[in-house]
C-alpha cells in the first residue's frame, strides 16, 4: 500500500511555563515528519493575533499535531477551539485533557477506580500568600487530617513539567514552597511524599508500552533533572518485577480509558521499597523529542520515532 502523504500543522510554544519544552518537542516532531515526506508547517500560538485560532484554519490541513505542553495546550482549551473549527488534532479530547490537567480531580478518579494515590490536600491560593502560609502552618500544627506529615510535596494543581514543585522537609521550607507554587497557579496541591522508584508507563492507542525507570541525581525528579543533560538516568525496559509491571500497566490503561483519553498518554508512578505504589498523574501531551520518555518506551516496543509520530497522526484521523 502506498504511503499517504499528510498535510500537518504543528501547534507549538504558547505562553505556559512549559513553552521551551513545547518548542523543543515541536521542532523534533516537525523535522521527523518532514524527513518522512509529509508537508508540515509549524505555528507558535504566540504568533497568532490574540491567539486567534481561526487564523490557523485551512481546508488542506489533514491533522493538527499538538506539540504544546501545559496551559491552554493541556487543559482542554485548545482542544475545544479545534473542535469548534472542525479540525482533527492529535491526543486526547477536551474533557479528558481537562480532567488529567487537574491533579485534584485526577486523584479523585484514581480513588474511585481503586488505583493507589498519595494522600493530598488541595487549596486555592487567592488573596494574601502570607495568610495562606499561616493557614497551612496552623492546620499542620494541630495534625489536621487534610495535611500529610513532613516531608510533603507542594505543587500546582494544574501544572506540569514539575514547574513550581517543591519538596518540603521542614516548617522553614514551607513559605518558599507556597510562594513558588502560587506564582505558577491559583490552585495548590499538597501531597504526601512517597520515596521510591520513578516508573512511567506510556500508553499508545490503549495499549501499555514497556516501562521506563527514571533515576534523578536529586532526591526529587524536578525541572532541573528533567531538562538538564546528565542530571537523570533512564532505563527502558525498567528492571522491575513483572508482576508490578503488570499492575502498573493495568492501572495506567484503566485510568487512561476511564477519563476518555485518545491516541497516547503517559502515566507516572512511584514504586516504594515494599513494592507498593502510587499513581501521580497522567500526561495527555508528553514530551516528544527523540530523547523523551514516551519515544523511549515506544522504541523499546520496536516503534521508531518517525513511525510513532505517523501512528499518532493516523490514530487522530481514525478518531482513536
C-alpha atoms as a PDB file:
ATOM      1  CA  UNK A   1       0.000   0.000   0.000  1.00  0.00           C
ATOM      2  CA  UNK A   2       1.335   3.432  -0.974  1.00  0.00           C
ATOM      3  CA  UNK A   3       2.182   5.609   1.993  1.00  0.00           C
ATOM      4  CA  UNK A   4      -0.200   8.542   2.431  1.00  0.00           C
ATOM      5  CA  UNK A   5       1.370  11.987   2.379  1.00  0.00           C
ATOM      6  CA  UNK A   6      -0.199  14.147   5.074  1.00  0.00           C
ATOM      7  CA  UNK A   7      -0.581  17.903   5.384  1.00  0.00           C
ATOM      8  CA  UNK A   8       0.234  18.517   9.054  1.00  0.00           C
ATOM      9  CA  UNK A   9       0.066  21.646  11.181  1.00  0.00           C
ATOM     10  CA  UNK A  10       2.214  21.504  14.333  1.00  0.00           C
ATOM     11  CA  UNK A  11       0.969  23.810  17.099  1.00  0.00           C
ATOM     12  CA  UNK A  12       3.864  24.914  19.291  1.00  0.00           C
ATOM     13  CA  UNK A  13       5.018  27.232  22.048  1.00  0.00           C
ATOM     14  CA  UNK A  14       2.255  29.259  23.606  1.00  0.00           C
ATOM     15  CA  UNK A  15       2.735  31.144  26.845  1.00  0.00           C
ATOM     16  CA  UNK A  16       2.646  28.433  29.510  1.00  0.00           C
ATOM     17  CA  UNK A  17       5.570  27.809  31.860  1.00  0.00           C
ATOM     18  CA  UNK A  18       6.403  24.846  29.621  1.00  0.00           C
ATOM     19  CA  UNK A  19       6.881  26.956  26.473  1.00  0.00           C
ATOM     20  CA  UNK A  20      10.533  25.981  25.915  1.00  0.00           C
ATOM     21  CA  UNK A  21       9.747  22.279  26.350  1.00  0.00           C
ATOM     22  CA  UNK A  22       6.966  22.656  23.787  1.00  0.00           C
ATOM     23  CA  UNK A  23       9.258  24.357  21.284  1.00  0.00           C
ATOM     24  CA  UNK A  24      11.795  21.527  21.637  1.00  0.00           C
ATOM     25  CA  UNK A  25       9.114  18.893  21.116  1.00  0.00           C
ATOM     26  CA  UNK A  26       7.607  20.720  18.143  1.00  0.00           C
ATOM     27  CA  UNK A  27      10.959  21.109  16.384  1.00  0.00           C
ATOM     28  CA  UNK A  28      11.623  17.381  16.767  1.00  0.00           C
ATOM     29  CA  UNK A  29       8.104  16.486  15.592  1.00  0.00           C
ATOM     30  CA  UNK A  30       8.293  18.741  12.535  1.00  0.00           C
ATOM     31  CA  UNK A  31      11.765  17.571  11.477  1.00  0.00           C
ATOM     32  CA  UNK A  32      10.861  13.895  11.705  1.00  0.00           C
ATOM     33  CA  UNK A  33       7.583  14.288   9.816  1.00  0.00           C
ATOM     34  CA  UNK A  34       9.260  16.357   7.080  1.00  0.00           C
ATOM     35  CA  UNK A  35      12.025  13.758   6.781  1.00  0.00           C
ATOM     36  CA  UNK A  36       9.312  11.134   6.285  1.00  0.00           C
ATOM     37  CA  UNK A  37       7.851  13.081   3.355  1.00  0.00           C
ATOM     38  CA  UNK A  38       4.928  14.916   4.908  1.00  0.00           C
ATOM     39  CA  UNK A  39       4.057  18.572   4.352  1.00  0.00           C
ATOM     40  CA  UNK A  40       4.483  20.321   7.697  1.00  0.00           C
ATOM     41  CA  UNK A  41       4.067  23.878   8.919  1.00  0.00           C
ATOM     42  CA  UNK A  42       4.714  24.982  12.494  1.00  0.00           C
ATOM     43  CA  UNK A  43       2.701  27.724  14.195  1.00  0.00           C
ATOM     44  CA  UNK A  44       3.656  29.235  17.548  1.00  0.00           C
ATOM     45  CA  UNK A  45       0.499  30.218  19.436  1.00  0.00           C
ATOM     46  CA  UNK A  46       2.192  33.471  20.440  1.00  0.00           C
ATOM     47  CA  UNK A  47       2.413  34.428  16.754  1.00  0.00           C
ATOM     48  CA  UNK A  48      -1.363  34.324  16.353  1.00  0.00           C
ATOM     49  CA  UNK A  49      -3.249  37.632  16.712  1.00  0.00           C
ATOM     50  CA  UNK A  50      -4.545  37.473  20.319  1.00  0.00           C
ATOM     51  CA  UNK A  51      -4.167  33.706  19.974  1.00  0.00           C
ATOM     52  CA  UNK A  52      -6.964  33.691  17.382  1.00  0.00           C
ATOM     53  CA  UNK A  53      -7.378  30.020  16.497  1.00  0.00           C
ATOM     54  CA  UNK A  54      -9.484  30.851  13.430  1.00  0.00           C
ATOM     55  CA  UNK A  55      -6.255  32.084  11.808  1.00  0.00           C
ATOM     56  CA  UNK A  56      -4.925  28.536  11.578  1.00  0.00           C
ATOM     57  CA  UNK A  57      -7.959  27.089   9.837  1.00  0.00           C
ATOM     58  CA  UNK A  58      -7.111  25.638   6.459  1.00  0.00           C
ATOM     59  CA  UNK A  59      -9.090  23.251   4.279  1.00  0.00           C
ATOM     60  CA  UNK A  60      -5.946  21.413   3.208  1.00  0.00           C
ATOM     61  CA  UNK A  61      -4.784  20.560   6.751  1.00  0.00           C
ATOM     62  CA  UNK A  62      -5.287  16.854   7.414  1.00  0.00           C
ATOM     63  CA  UNK A  63      -4.343  16.894  11.088  1.00  0.00           C
ATOM     64  CA  UNK A  64      -3.097  19.284  13.765  1.00  0.00           C
ATOM     65  CA  UNK A  65      -0.236  17.779  15.773  1.00  0.00           C
ATOM     66  CA  UNK A  66      -0.299  19.290  19.258  1.00  0.00           C
ATOM     67  CA  UNK A  67       3.283  19.968  20.278  1.00  0.00           C
ATOM     68  CA  UNK A  68       2.041  22.055  23.198  1.00  0.00           C
ATOM     69  CA  UNK A  69       2.675  21.376  26.899  1.00  0.00           C
ATOM     70  CA  UNK A  70       0.828  22.793  29.877  1.00  0.00           C
ATOM     71  CA  UNK A  71      -1.598  25.716  29.995  1.00  0.00           C
ATOM     72  CA  UNK A  72      -4.042  26.024  27.112  1.00  0.00           C
ATOM     73  CA  UNK A  73      -2.451  23.085  25.356  1.00  0.00           C
ATOM     74  CA  UNK A  74      -3.330  20.520  28.004  1.00  0.00           C
ATOM     75  CA  UNK A  75      -6.292  21.941  29.922  1.00  0.00           C
ATOM     76  CA  UNK A  76      -8.788  21.369  27.114  1.00  0.00           C
ATOM     77  CA  UNK A  77      -8.900  24.946  25.789  1.00  0.00           C
ATOM     78  CA  UNK A  78      -7.074  24.323  22.513  1.00  0.00           C
ATOM     79  CA  UNK A  79      -8.947  21.058  22.044  1.00  0.00           C
ATOM     80  CA  UNK A  80     -12.293  22.866  22.410  1.00  0.00           C
ATOM     81  CA  UNK A  81     -11.245  25.550  19.920  1.00  0.00           C
ATOM     82  CA  UNK A  82     -10.096  22.980  17.345  1.00  0.00           C
ATOM     83  CA  UNK A  83     -13.326  21.016  17.737  1.00  0.00           C
ATOM     84  CA  UNK A  84     -15.343  24.173  17.087  1.00  0.00           C
ATOM     85  CA  UNK A  85     -13.258  24.762  13.955  1.00  0.00           C
ATOM     86  CA  UNK A  86     -13.882  21.188  12.837  1.00  0.00           C
ATOM     87  CA  UNK A  87     -10.159  20.392  12.742  1.00  0.00           C
ATOM     88  CA  UNK A  88      -8.710  16.962  13.529  1.00  0.00           C
ATOM     89  CA  UNK A  89      -5.987  17.002  16.192  1.00  0.00           C
ATOM     90  CA  UNK A  90      -3.699  14.538  17.931  1.00  0.00           C
ATOM     91  CA  UNK A  91      -4.126  13.397  21.509  1.00  0.00           C
ATOM     92  CA  UNK A  92      -6.983  13.423  23.955  1.00  0.00           C
ATOM     93  CA  UNK A  93     -10.247  15.368  23.621  1.00  0.00           C
ATOM     94  CA  UNK A  94     -11.274  18.399  25.650  1.00  0.00           C
ATOM     95  CA  UNK A  95     -12.880  16.651  28.653  1.00  0.00           C
ATOM     96  CA  UNK A  96     -10.102  14.107  29.159  1.00  0.00           C
ATOM     97  CA  UNK A  97      -7.465  16.847  28.859  1.00  0.00           C
ATOM     98  CA  UNK A  98      -9.201  18.982  31.479  1.00  0.00           C
ATOM     99  CA  UNK A  99      -9.511  16.085  33.942  1.00  0.00           C
ATOM    100  CA  UNK A 100      -5.903  14.950  33.512  1.00  0.00           C
ATOM    101  CA  UNK A 101      -4.581  18.500  33.901  1.00  0.00           C
ATOM    102  CA  UNK A 102      -6.320  18.995  37.248  1.00  0.00           C
ATOM    103  CA  UNK A 103      -4.458  16.751  39.689  1.00  0.00           C
ATOM    104  CA  UNK A 104      -7.100  17.104  42.398  1.00  0.00           C
ATOM    105  CA  UNK A 105      -9.830  15.782  40.090  1.00  0.00           C
ATOM    106  CA  UNK A 106      -7.481  13.134  38.663  1.00  0.00           C
ATOM    107  CA  UNK A 107      -6.690  11.784  42.110  1.00  0.00           C
ATOM    108  CA  UNK A 108     -10.404  11.573  42.923  1.00  0.00           C
ATOM    109  CA  UNK A 109     -10.896   9.479  39.784  1.00  0.00           C
ATOM    110  CA  UNK A 110      -7.991   7.252  40.850  1.00  0.00           C
ATOM    111  CA  UNK A 111      -9.631   6.722  44.233  1.00  0.00           C
ATOM    112  CA  UNK A 112     -12.923   5.787  42.567  1.00  0.00           C
ATOM    113  CA  UNK A 113     -11.100   3.212  40.427  1.00  0.00           C
ATOM    114  CA  UNK A 114      -9.167   1.832  43.391  1.00  0.00           C
ATOM    115  CA  UNK A 115      -5.842   2.995  41.928  1.00  0.00           C
ATOM    116  CA  UNK A 116      -3.455   3.868  44.792  1.00  0.00           C
ATOM    117  CA  UNK A 117      -2.512   7.542  45.052  1.00  0.00           C
ATOM    118  CA  UNK A 118      -0.713   9.570  47.729  1.00  0.00           C
ATOM    119  CA  UNK A 119      -2.780  11.428  50.335  1.00  0.00           C
ATOM    120  CA  UNK A 120      -3.299  15.060  49.405  1.00  0.00           C
ATOM    121  CA  UNK A 121      -4.944  18.355  50.224  1.00  0.00           C
ATOM    122  CA  UNK A 122      -5.948  20.993  47.666  1.00  0.00           C
ATOM    123  CA  UNK A 123      -6.450  24.707  48.328  1.00  0.00           C
ATOM    124  CA  UNK A 124      -6.924  27.962  46.454  1.00  0.00           C
ATOM    125  CA  UNK A 125      -4.030  30.413  46.536  1.00  0.00           C
ATOM    126  CA  UNK A 126      -6.217  33.504  46.428  1.00  0.00           C
ATOM    127  CA  UNK A 127      -5.620  36.685  48.391  1.00  0.00           C
ATOM    128  CA  UNK A 128      -2.602  37.197  50.643  1.00  0.00           C
ATOM    129  CA  UNK A 129       0.023  34.455  50.283  1.00  0.00           C
ATOM    130  CA  UNK A 130       1.356  35.059  53.827  1.00  0.00           C
ATOM    131  CA  UNK A 131      -2.124  34.413  55.212  1.00  0.00           C
ATOM    132  CA  UNK A 132      -2.257  31.214  53.182  1.00  0.00           C
ATOM    133  CA  UNK A 133       1.084  30.098  54.644  1.00  0.00           C
ATOM    134  CA  UNK A 134      -0.210  30.818  58.168  1.00  0.00           C
ATOM    135  CA  UNK A 135      -3.336  28.779  57.464  1.00  0.00           C
ATOM    136  CA  UNK A 136      -1.316  25.793  56.230  1.00  0.00           C
ATOM    137  CA  UNK A 137       1.036  26.009  59.227  1.00  0.00           C
ATOM    138  CA  UNK A 138      -1.892  26.155  61.648  1.00  0.00           C
ATOM    139  CA  UNK A 139      -3.553  23.078  60.133  1.00  0.00           C
ATOM    140  CA  UNK A 140      -0.264  21.218  60.150  1.00  0.00           C
ATOM    141  CA  UNK A 141       0.449  22.163  63.785  1.00  0.00           C
ATOM    142  CA  UNK A 142      -2.823  20.658  65.005  1.00  0.00           C
ATOM    143  CA  UNK A 143      -2.317  17.497  62.989  1.00  0.00           C
ATOM    144  CA  UNK A 144      -5.095  18.208  60.501  1.00  0.00           C
ATOM    145  CA  UNK A 145      -6.139  15.083  58.628  1.00  0.00           C
ATOM    146  CA  UNK A 146      -6.104  17.210  55.483  1.00  0.00           C
ATOM    147  CA  UNK A 147      -2.341  17.689  55.558  1.00  0.00           C
ATOM    148  CA  UNK A 148       0.350  14.994  55.345  1.00  0.00           C
ATOM    149  CA  UNK A 149       3.282  14.959  57.763  1.00  0.00           C
ATOM    150  CA  UNK A 150       6.734  16.123  56.662  1.00  0.00           C
ATOM    151  CA  UNK A 151       8.084  15.578  54.111  1.00  0.00           C
ATOM    152  CA  UNK A 152       5.439  16.518  51.583  1.00  0.00           C
ATOM    153  CA  UNK A 153       5.201  17.905  48.067  1.00  0.00           C
ATOM    154  CA  UNK A 154       3.811  21.332  47.190  1.00  0.00           C
ATOM    155  CA  UNK A 155       2.933  21.798  43.529  1.00  0.00           C
ATOM    156  CA  UNK A 156       0.403  23.461  41.212  1.00  0.00           C
ATOM    157  CA  UNK A 157      -2.827  21.503  40.939  1.00  0.00           C
ATOM    158  CA  UNK A 158      -2.981  22.301  37.233  1.00  0.00           C
ATOM    159  CA  UNK A 159       0.658  22.437  36.127  1.00  0.00           C
ATOM    160  CA  UNK A 160       3.205  20.174  34.504  1.00  0.00           C
ATOM    161  CA  UNK A 161       6.918  19.547  33.942  1.00  0.00           C
ATOM    162  CA  UNK A 162       7.395  19.940  37.730  1.00  0.00           C
ATOM    163  CA  UNK A 163       7.273  23.748  37.329  1.00  0.00           C
ATOM    164  CA  UNK A 164       6.516  25.248  40.751  1.00  0.00           C
ATOM    165  CA  UNK A 165       7.062  21.914  42.534  1.00  0.00           C
ATOM    166  CA  UNK A 166       8.912  21.721  45.881  1.00  0.00           C
ATOM    167  CA  UNK A 167       9.788  19.047  48.415  1.00  0.00           C
ATOM    168  CA  UNK A 168       9.088  20.430  51.905  1.00  0.00           C
ATOM    169  CA  UNK A 169      11.036  18.594  54.600  1.00  0.00           C
ATOM    170  CA  UNK A 170      10.505  21.011  57.494  1.00  0.00           C
ATOM    171  CA  UNK A 171       8.457  24.036  58.535  1.00  0.00           C
ATOM    172  CA  UNK A 172      11.163  26.511  57.500  1.00  0.00           C
ATOM    173  CA  UNK A 173      10.905  25.420  53.865  1.00  0.00           C
ATOM    174  CA  UNK A 174       7.151  25.892  53.670  1.00  0.00           C
ATOM    175  CA  UNK A 175       6.940  29.663  52.885  1.00  0.00           C
ATOM    176  CA  UNK A 176       9.241  29.495  49.859  1.00  0.00           C
ATOM    177  CA  UNK A 177       7.422  26.411  48.585  1.00  0.00           C
ATOM    178  CA  UNK A 178       3.976  28.020  48.859  1.00  0.00           C
ATOM    179  CA  UNK A 179       5.163  31.272  47.295  1.00  0.00           C
ATOM    180  CA  UNK A 180       6.876  29.405  44.444  1.00  0.00           C
ATOM    181  CA  UNK A 181       3.762  27.415  43.643  1.00  0.00           C
ATOM    182  CA  UNK A 182       1.461  30.438  43.997  1.00  0.00           C
ATOM    183  CA  UNK A 183       3.486  32.201  41.281  1.00  0.00           C
ATOM    184  CA  UNK A 184       2.536  29.430  38.858  1.00  0.00           C
ATOM    185  CA  UNK A 185      -1.082  28.756  39.780  1.00  0.00           C
ATOM    186  CA  UNK A 186      -4.044  29.817  41.918  1.00  0.00           C
ATOM    187  CA  UNK A 187      -4.570  26.168  42.791  1.00  0.00           C
ATOM    188  CA  UNK A 188      -2.114  24.419  45.145  1.00  0.00           C
ATOM    189  CA  UNK A 189      -1.823  20.700  45.837  1.00  0.00           C
ATOM    190  CA  UNK A 190      -0.085  19.457  48.985  1.00  0.00           C
ATOM    191  CA  UNK A 191       0.714  15.773  48.611  1.00  0.00           C
ATOM    192  CA  UNK A 192       2.347  13.143  50.792  1.00  0.00           C
ATOM    193  CA  UNK A 193       5.902  12.414  49.642  1.00  0.00           C
ATOM    194  CA  UNK A 194       6.433   8.749  48.805  1.00  0.00           C
ATOM    195  CA  UNK A 195      10.050   7.692  48.497  1.00  0.00           C
ATOM    196  CA  UNK A 196      10.675   5.093  45.832  1.00  0.00           C
ATOM    197  CA  UNK A 197      11.437   4.368  42.205  1.00  0.00           C
ATOM    198  CA  UNK A 198      10.047   6.663  39.489  1.00  0.00           C
ATOM    199  CA  UNK A 199       8.337   4.487  36.880  1.00  0.00           C
ATOM    200  CA  UNK A 200       6.359   5.779  33.923  1.00  0.00           C
ATOM    201  CA  UNK A 201       4.022   3.821  31.661  1.00  0.00           C
ATOM    202  CA  UNK A 202       3.375   5.105  28.151  1.00  0.00           C
ATOM    203  CA  UNK A 203       0.006   4.211  26.625  1.00  0.00           C
ATOM    204  CA  UNK A 204      -0.407   4.115  22.843  1.00  0.00           C
ATOM    205  CA  UNK A 205      -3.886   3.510  21.418  1.00  0.00           C
ATOM    206  CA  UNK A 206      -4.997   1.973  24.695  1.00  0.00           C
ATOM    207  CA  UNK A 207      -2.009  -0.384  24.976  1.00  0.00           C
ATOM    208  CA  UNK A 208       0.751  -0.092  27.598  1.00  0.00           C
ATOM    209  CA  UNK A 209       4.319   0.140  26.315  1.00  0.00           C
ATOM    210  CA  UNK A 210       7.426  -1.099  28.197  1.00  0.00           C
ATOM    211  CA  UNK A 211       8.043   0.744  31.496  1.00  0.00           C
ATOM    212  CA  UNK A 212      10.717   3.423  31.871  1.00  0.00           C
ATOM    213  CA  UNK A 213      12.557   3.987  35.151  1.00  0.00           C
ATOM    214  CA  UNK A 214      13.911   7.454  35.936  1.00  0.00           C
ATOM    215  CA  UNK A 215      16.862   7.822  38.307  1.00  0.00           C
ATOM    216  CA  UNK A 216      17.439  11.529  39.071  1.00  0.00           C
ATOM    217  CA  UNK A 217      20.586  12.857  40.749  1.00  0.00           C
ATOM    218  CA  UNK A 218      18.356  14.949  43.042  1.00  0.00           C
ATOM    219  CA  UNK A 219      16.072  13.486  45.689  1.00  0.00           C
ATOM    220  CA  UNK A 220      13.196  14.663  43.531  1.00  0.00           C
ATOM    221  CA  UNK A 221      12.707  14.381  39.768  1.00  0.00           C
ATOM    222  CA  UNK A 222      12.453  18.156  39.413  1.00  0.00           C
ATOM    223  CA  UNK A 223      12.662  20.527  36.436  1.00  0.00           C
ATOM    224  CA  UNK A 224      16.457  20.629  36.597  1.00  0.00           C
ATOM    225  CA  UNK A 225      16.719  16.831  36.496  1.00  0.00           C
ATOM    226  CA  UNK A 226      14.184  16.581  33.685  1.00  0.00           C
ATOM    227  CA  UNK A 227      15.777  19.033  31.312  1.00  0.00           C
ATOM    228  CA  UNK A 228      19.489  19.174  32.194  1.00  0.00           C
ATOM    229  CA  UNK A 229      21.636  16.614  30.406  1.00  0.00           C
ATOM    230  CA  UNK A 230      23.306  14.210  32.827  1.00  0.00           C
ATOM    231  CA  UNK A 231      21.021  15.025  35.774  1.00  0.00           C
ATOM    232  CA  UNK A 232      18.977  11.820  35.322  1.00  0.00           C
ATOM    233  CA  UNK A 233      19.460   8.279  34.062  1.00  0.00           C
ATOM    234  CA  UNK A 234      16.749   6.364  32.202  1.00  0.00           C
ATOM    235  CA  UNK A 235      16.291   2.624  31.943  1.00  0.00           C
ATOM    236  CA  UNK A 236      13.900   1.031  29.454  1.00  0.00           C
ATOM    237  CA  UNK A 237      12.568  -1.517  29.889  1.00  0.00           C
ATOM    238  CA  UNK A 238      12.833  -0.882  33.625  1.00  0.00           C
ATOM    239  CA  UNK A 239      14.416  -3.670  35.655  1.00  0.00           C
ATOM    240  CA  UNK A 240      11.362  -4.302  37.806  1.00  0.00           C
ATOM    241  CA  UNK A 241       9.322  -7.346  38.777  1.00  0.00           C
ATOM    242  CA  UNK A 242       6.966  -8.477  36.008  1.00  0.00           C
ATOM    243  CA  UNK A 243       4.035  -8.652  38.430  1.00  0.00           C
ATOM    244  CA  UNK A 244       4.477  -4.984  39.347  1.00  0.00           C
ATOM    245  CA  UNK A 245       4.764  -4.006  35.675  1.00  0.00           C
ATOM    246  CA  UNK A 246       1.503  -5.826  35.014  1.00  0.00           C
ATOM    247  CA  UNK A 247      -0.243  -3.919  37.819  1.00  0.00           C
ATOM    248  CA  UNK A 248       1.134  -0.531  36.744  1.00  0.00           C
ATOM    249  CA  UNK A 249       0.240  -1.185  33.107  1.00  0.00           C
ATOM    250  CA  UNK A 250      -3.264  -2.293  34.048  1.00  0.00           C
ATOM    251  CA  UNK A 251      -3.885   0.796  36.180  1.00  0.00           C
ATOM    252  CA  UNK A 252      -2.371   3.125  33.583  1.00  0.00           C
ATOM    253  CA  UNK A 253      -4.679   1.799  30.867  1.00  0.00           C
ATOM    254  CA  UNK A 254      -7.721   1.801  33.179  1.00  0.00           C
ATOM    255  CA  UNK A 255      -7.122   5.420  34.137  1.00  0.00           C
ATOM    256  CA  UNK A 256      -6.456   6.405  30.512  1.00  0.00           C
ATOM    257  CA  UNK A 257      -9.657   4.742  29.312  1.00  0.00           C
ATOM    258  CA  UNK A 258     -11.838   5.946  32.183  1.00  0.00           C
ATOM    259  CA  UNK A 259     -11.185   9.647  31.648  1.00  0.00           C
ATOM    260  CA  UNK A 260     -11.596   9.238  27.892  1.00  0.00           C
ATOM    261  CA  UNK A 261      -8.051   9.663  26.601  1.00  0.00           C
ATOM    262  CA  UNK A 262      -7.302   9.132  22.940  1.00  0.00           C
ATOM    263  CA  UNK A 263      -4.206   8.424  20.875  1.00  0.00           C
ATOM    264  CA  UNK A 264      -1.495   8.432  23.501  1.00  0.00           C
ATOM    265  CA  UNK A 265      -0.615   9.452  27.044  1.00  0.00           C
ATOM    266  CA  UNK A 266       1.875   8.753  29.826  1.00  0.00           C
ATOM    267  CA  UNK A 267       1.075   7.761  33.408  1.00  0.00           C
ATOM    268  CA  UNK A 268       3.615   8.342  36.190  1.00  0.00           C
ATOM    269  CA  UNK A 269       4.030   6.178  39.302  1.00  0.00           C
ATOM    270  CA  UNK A 270       6.216   5.855  42.395  1.00  0.00           C
ATOM    271  CA  UNK A 271       7.036   2.286  43.448  1.00  0.00           C
ATOM    272  CA  UNK A 272       8.032   2.096  47.139  1.00  0.00           C
ATOM    273  CA  UNK A 273      10.699  -0.297  48.530  1.00  0.00           C
ATOM    274  CA  UNK A 274       7.967  -2.673  49.747  1.00  0.00           C
ATOM    275  CA  UNK A 275       6.612  -2.893  46.158  1.00  0.00           C
ATOM    276  CA  UNK A 276       3.507  -0.856  46.978  1.00  0.00           C
ATOM    277  CA  UNK A 277       2.952   2.020  44.570  1.00  0.00           C
ATOM    278  CA  UNK A 278       1.064   5.248  43.999  1.00  0.00           C
ATOM    279  CA  UNK A 279      -0.099   6.882  40.797  1.00  0.00           C
ATOM    280  CA  UNK A 280       0.949  10.526  40.420  1.00  0.00           C
ATOM    281  CA  UNK A 281      -0.665  11.798  37.237  1.00  0.00           C
ATOM    282  CA  UNK A 282      -1.487  11.274  33.588  1.00  0.00           C
ATOM    283  CA  UNK A 283       0.161  13.443  30.927  1.00  0.00           C
ATOM    284  CA  UNK A 284      -2.033  13.836  27.842  1.00  0.00           C
ATOM    285  CA  UNK A 285       0.708  15.565  25.807  1.00  0.00           C
ATOM    286  CA  UNK A 286       4.009  14.071  26.990  1.00  0.00           C
ATOM    287  CA  UNK A 287       7.344  15.311  25.670  1.00  0.00           C
ATOM    288  CA  UNK A 288       8.062  14.331  22.068  1.00  0.00           C
ATOM    289  CA  UNK A 289      11.735  14.829  21.383  1.00  0.00           C
ATOM    290  CA  UNK A 290      13.644  11.724  20.339  1.00  0.00           C
ATOM    291  CA  UNK A 291      15.099  11.579  23.862  1.00  0.00           C
ATOM    292  CA  UNK A 292      11.757  11.972  25.667  1.00  0.00           C
ATOM    293  CA  UNK A 293      10.269   9.202  27.792  1.00  0.00           C
ATOM    294  CA  UNK A 294       7.360   8.328  25.503  1.00  0.00           C
ATOM    295  CA  UNK A 295       9.503   7.780  22.374  1.00  0.00           C
ATOM    296  CA  UNK A 296      11.947   5.834  24.575  1.00  0.00           C
ATOM    297  CA  UNK A 297       9.174   3.432  25.595  1.00  0.00           C
ATOM    298  CA  UNK A 298       7.945   3.156  22.007  1.00  0.00           C
ATOM    299  CA  UNK A 299      11.457   2.338  20.796  1.00  0.00           C
ATOM    300  CA  UNK A 300      11.656  -0.479  23.345  1.00  0.00           C
ATOM    301  CA  UNK A 301       8.463  -1.834  21.760  1.00  0.00           C
ATOM    302  CA  UNK A 302      10.062  -1.708  18.309  1.00  0.00           C
ATOM    303  CA  UNK A 303       8.453   1.566  17.201  1.00  0.00           C
ATOM    304  CA  UNK A 304      10.952   4.166  15.966  1.00  0.00           C
ATOM    305  CA  UNK A 305      10.335   7.903  16.390  1.00  0.00           C
ATOM    306  CA  UNK A 306       9.098   8.648  12.871  1.00  0.00           C
ATOM    307  CA  UNK A 307       6.749   5.672  12.884  1.00  0.00           C
ATOM    308  CA  UNK A 308       5.418   6.711  16.298  1.00  0.00           C
ATOM    309  CA  UNK A 309       4.563  10.214  15.083  1.00  0.00           C
ATOM    310  CA  UNK A 310       2.853   8.853  11.982  1.00  0.00           C
ATOM    311  CA  UNK A 311       0.826   6.426  14.068  1.00  0.00           C
ATOM    312  CA  UNK A 312      -0.298   9.235  16.364  1.00  0.00           C
ATOM    313  CA  UNK A 313      -1.443  11.231  13.308  1.00  0.00           C
ATOM    314  CA  UNK A 314      -3.299   8.262  11.845  1.00  0.00           C
ATOM    315  CA  UNK A 315      -4.967   7.482  15.179  1.00  0.00           C
ATOM    316  CA  UNK A 316      -6.275  11.059  15.224  1.00  0.00           C
ATOM    317  CA  UNK A 317      -7.615  10.722  11.682  1.00  0.00           C
ATOM    318  CA  UNK A 318      -9.317   7.466  12.685  1.00  0.00           C
ATOM    319  CA  UNK A 319     -10.840   9.122  15.763  1.00  0.00           C
ATOM    320  CA  UNK A 320      -8.846   6.898  18.153  1.00  0.00           C
END
